[in-house]
Every structure is written in C-alpha cells, then in structure tokens.
Amino acid sequence: MNLSKKILLLLLLTFSISIFAQKEVKEGIISMKITMSSENEQVNASLAMIGNISTTTYFKDQKSRTEMKSPMTGNNTTIIDNSTKEILVLLDNPMLGKKIFKEHHGCF
C-alpha cells in the first residue's frame, strides 16, 4: 500500500471515529483560572494590579450562569436563558458599584 493510500485510510478512520465519539453535553460546569505573567518586570507589575481572574460557568439545557471574579473588575454574574432570549447581568464593581442589566433579544 503506497503512502497516499495509507494517509487516506488514516484520515477516514480518524474522521469516522470522531463522528461516533462525540456526545452532546446538556449539563455541566466549566471552571477556569486565568493568571497572566511576562518576562518583563514592568509588565508584571501592571499585571499584578489586574490579579488572577476566575470564572465558573454552570449550564443546563438552554440556561447558563457565568460567575467571574477579578480584583480589578469585581464580581460579575451573567445569567442567560436562551429559550426566552433573556440576559441578566449583575455587576459588583469596585469603581461603579452594584449594577443590574436586563436585556431581551430577538435572537442570539
């Protein structure tokens, strides 16, 4: 078997496995912690003011809630209901104070 046929066979096998290996996820939690750094000390000083950013997203069916915490921007919670096309944003920002935003969109 020549090289091009082997590559084609490998691609077909990989593609067919990936089609059957995917499963739809309807509920879960995604957590991230973002830490920024640089080799430049001046940049590191600026990044230290921003601090670490952590986010946690909870989702189930058509609804999700994302919580973001940052020393610079404060706490931010975003709640999305895709079935009603509504978004609710709750901000607790050190500079702006507490704010609530509610939006209704025709589509997103």
C-alpha atoms as a PDB file:
ATOM      1  CA  MET A   1       0.000   0.000   0.000  1.00  0.00           C
ATOM      2  CA  ASN A   2       1.515   3.315  -1.015  1.00  0.00           C
ATOM      3  CA  LEU A   3       1.835   6.339   1.272  1.00  0.00           C
ATOM      4  CA  SER A   4      -1.127   8.301  -0.138  1.00  0.00           C
ATOM      5  CA  LYS A   5      -3.492   5.346   0.386  1.00  0.00           C
ATOM      6  CA  LYS A   6      -2.237   4.919   3.965  1.00  0.00           C
ATOM      7  CA  ILE A   7      -2.807   8.605   4.696  1.00  0.00           C
ATOM      8  CA  LEU A   8      -6.288   8.478   3.166  1.00  0.00           C
ATOM      9  CA  LEU A   9      -7.153   5.381   5.198  1.00  0.00           C
ATOM     10  CA  LEU A  10      -5.861   7.017   8.392  1.00  0.00           C
ATOM     11  CA  LEU A  11      -7.905  10.165   7.732  1.00  0.00           C
ATOM     12  CA  LEU A  12     -11.065   8.154   7.049  1.00  0.00           C
ATOM     13  CA  LEU A  13     -10.611   6.112  10.235  1.00  0.00           C
ATOM     14  CA  THR A  14      -9.962   9.237  12.298  1.00  0.00           C
ATOM     15  CA  PHE A  15     -12.994  11.005  10.831  1.00  0.00           C
ATOM     16  CA  SER A  16     -15.305   8.030  11.372  1.00  0.00           C
ATOM     17  CA  ILE A  17     -14.154   7.603  14.990  1.00  0.00           C
ATOM     18  CA  SER A  18     -14.680  11.302  15.747  1.00  0.00           C
ATOM     19  CA  ILE A  19     -18.232  11.192  14.354  1.00  0.00           C
ATOM     20  CA  PHE A  20     -19.256   8.424  16.735  1.00  0.00           C
ATOM     21  CA  ALA A  21     -17.137   9.594  19.677  1.00  0.00           C
ATOM     22  CA  GLN A  22     -18.905  12.932  20.152  1.00  0.00           C
ATOM     23  CA  LYS A  23     -21.653  13.106  22.719  1.00  0.00           C
ATOM     24  CA  GLU A  24     -23.956  16.065  23.301  1.00  0.00           C
ATOM     25  CA  VAL A  25     -23.392  17.599  26.718  1.00  0.00           C
ATOM     26  CA  LYS A  26     -26.561  19.104  28.197  1.00  0.00           C
ATOM     27  CA  GLU A  27     -25.447  19.900  31.721  1.00  0.00           C
ATOM     28  CA  GLY A  28     -22.146  20.752  33.333  1.00  0.00           C
ATOM     29  CA  ILE A  29     -19.726  23.116  34.996  1.00  0.00           C
ATOM     30  CA  ILE A  30     -16.698  24.785  33.403  1.00  0.00           C
ATOM     31  CA  SER A  31     -14.156  26.439  35.709  1.00  0.00           C
ATOM     32  CA  MET A  32     -11.123  28.487  34.695  1.00  0.00           C
ATOM     33  CA  LYS A  33      -8.451  30.458  36.480  1.00  0.00           C
ATOM     34  CA  ILE A  34      -6.557  32.988  34.390  1.00  0.00           C
ATOM     35  CA  THR A  35      -3.109  34.062  35.539  1.00  0.00           C
ATOM     36  CA  MET A  36      -1.079  36.461  33.422  1.00  0.00           C
ATOM     37  CA  SER A  37       2.669  36.955  33.560  1.00  0.00           C
ATOM     38  CA  SER A  38       5.506  38.286  31.460  1.00  0.00           C
ATOM     39  CA  GLU A  39       9.272  38.114  31.292  1.00  0.00           C
ATOM     40  CA  ASN A  40       9.249  41.923  31.558  1.00  0.00           C
ATOM     41  CA  GLU A  41       9.134  43.084  35.206  1.00  0.00           C
ATOM     42  CA  GLN A  42       7.298  46.333  34.351  1.00  0.00           C
ATOM     43  CA  VAL A  43       4.580  44.386  32.611  1.00  0.00           C
ATOM     44  CA  ASN A  44       4.399  42.005  35.589  1.00  0.00           C
ATOM     45  CA  ALA A  45       3.806  44.986  37.879  1.00  0.00           C
ATOM     46  CA  SER A  46       0.844  46.059  35.737  1.00  0.00           C
ATOM     47  CA  LEU A  47      -0.483  42.512  35.566  1.00  0.00           C
ATOM     48  CA  ALA A  48      -0.255  42.203  39.350  1.00  0.00           C
ATOM     49  CA  MET A  49      -2.773  45.060  39.645  1.00  0.00           C
ATOM     50  CA  ILE A  50      -5.197  43.114  37.450  1.00  0.00           C
ATOM     51  CA  GLY A  51      -4.726  39.986  39.572  1.00  0.00           C
ATOM     52  CA  ASN A  52      -5.957  36.478  38.886  1.00  0.00           C
ATOM     53  CA  ILE A  53      -9.314  36.106  37.169  1.00  0.00           C
ATOM     54  CA  SER A  54     -11.520  33.115  37.886  1.00  0.00           C
ATOM     55  CA  THR A  55     -14.654  32.126  36.012  1.00  0.00           C
ATOM     56  CA  THR A  56     -17.173  29.381  36.601  1.00  0.00           C
ATOM     57  CA  THR A  57     -19.945  28.608  34.126  1.00  0.00           C
ATOM     58  CA  TYR A  58     -22.891  26.408  35.029  1.00  0.00           C
ATOM     59  CA  PHE A  59     -25.118  25.240  32.204  1.00  0.00           C
ATOM     60  CA  LYS A  60     -28.156  23.045  31.755  1.00  0.00           C
ATOM     61  CA  ASP A  61     -30.222  22.761  28.591  1.00  0.00           C
ATOM     62  CA  GLN A  62     -30.994  26.320  27.395  1.00  0.00           C
ATOM     63  CA  LYS A  63     -29.788  28.133  30.536  1.00  0.00           C
ATOM     64  CA  SER A  64     -26.383  29.189  31.806  1.00  0.00           C
ATOM     65  CA  ARG A  65     -24.858  31.222  34.603  1.00  0.00           C
ATOM     66  CA  THR A  66     -21.304  32.565  34.472  1.00  0.00           C
ATOM     67  CA  GLU A  67     -19.602  33.966  37.547  1.00  0.00           C
ATOM     68  CA  MET A  68     -16.399  35.957  37.056  1.00  0.00           C
ATOM     69  CA  LYS A  69     -14.256  37.225  39.922  1.00  0.00           C
ATOM     70  CA  SER A  70     -11.399  39.657  39.488  1.00  0.00           C
ATOM     71  CA  PRO A  71      -9.719  42.009  41.978  1.00  0.00           C
ATOM     72  CA  MET A  72      -9.769  44.817  39.411  1.00  0.00           C
ATOM     73  CA  THR A  73     -13.280  44.467  37.966  1.00  0.00           C
ATOM     74  CA  GLY A  74     -15.011  42.862  40.956  1.00  0.00           C
ATOM     75  CA  ASN A  75     -17.681  40.194  40.728  1.00  0.00           C
ATOM     76  CA  ASN A  76     -19.759  39.751  37.597  1.00  0.00           C
ATOM     77  CA  THR A  77     -22.603  37.247  37.190  1.00  0.00           C
ATOM     78  CA  THR A  78     -24.268  36.729  33.813  1.00  0.00           C
ATOM     79  CA  ILE A  79     -27.422  34.617  33.548  1.00  0.00           C
ATOM     80  CA  ILE A  80     -28.690  33.616  30.109  1.00  0.00           C
ATOM     81  CA  ASP A  81     -31.985  31.915  29.262  1.00  0.00           C
ATOM     82  CA  ASN A  82     -31.733  31.078  25.591  1.00  0.00           C
ATOM     83  CA  SER A  83     -35.322  29.799  25.421  1.00  0.00           C
ATOM     84  CA  THR A  84     -36.735  33.241  26.366  1.00  0.00           C
ATOM     85  CA  LYS A  85     -33.772  35.169  24.852  1.00  0.00           C
ATOM     86  CA  GLU A  86     -33.168  36.987  28.143  1.00  0.00           C
ATOM     87  CA  ILE A  87     -29.858  38.068  29.660  1.00  0.00           C
ATOM     88  CA  LEU A  88     -29.378  39.304  33.213  1.00  0.00           C
ATOM     89  CA  VAL A  89     -26.031  40.838  34.217  1.00  0.00           C
ATOM     90  CA  LEU A  90     -25.219  41.541  37.871  1.00  0.00           C
ATOM     91  CA  LEU A  91     -22.130  43.687  38.478  1.00  0.00           C
ATOM     92  CA  ASP A  92     -20.385  44.402  41.755  1.00  0.00           C
ATOM     93  CA  ASN A  93     -17.570  46.627  40.520  1.00  0.00           C
ATOM     94  CA  PRO A  94     -15.196  48.468  42.891  1.00  0.00           C
ATOM     95  CA  MET A  95     -15.396  51.640  40.768  1.00  0.00           C
ATOM     96  CA  LEU A  96     -19.007  51.516  39.510  1.00  0.00           C
ATOM     97  CA  GLY A  97     -20.717  49.911  42.487  1.00  0.00           C
ATOM     98  CA  LYS A  98     -23.561  47.430  42.100  1.00  0.00           C
ATOM     99  CA  LYS A  99     -25.400  47.432  38.756  1.00  0.00           C
ATOM    100  CA  ILE A 100     -28.107  45.265  37.203  1.00  0.00           C
ATOM    101  CA  PHE A 101     -28.747  44.992  33.457  1.00  0.00           C
ATOM    102  CA  LYS A 102     -31.561  43.009  31.874  1.00  0.00           C
ATOM    103  CA  GLU A 103     -31.859  42.520  28.140  1.00  0.00           C
ATOM    104  CA  HIS A 104     -34.325  40.728  25.899  1.00  0.00           C
ATOM    105  CA  HIS A 105     -33.111  39.906  22.394  1.00  0.00           C
ATOM    106  CA  GLY A 106     -34.999  38.562  19.439  1.00  0.00           C
ATOM    107  CA  CYS A 107     -32.141  36.212  18.724  1.00  0.00           C
ATOM    108  CA  PHE A 108     -28.541  35.479  19.669  1.00  0.00           C
END
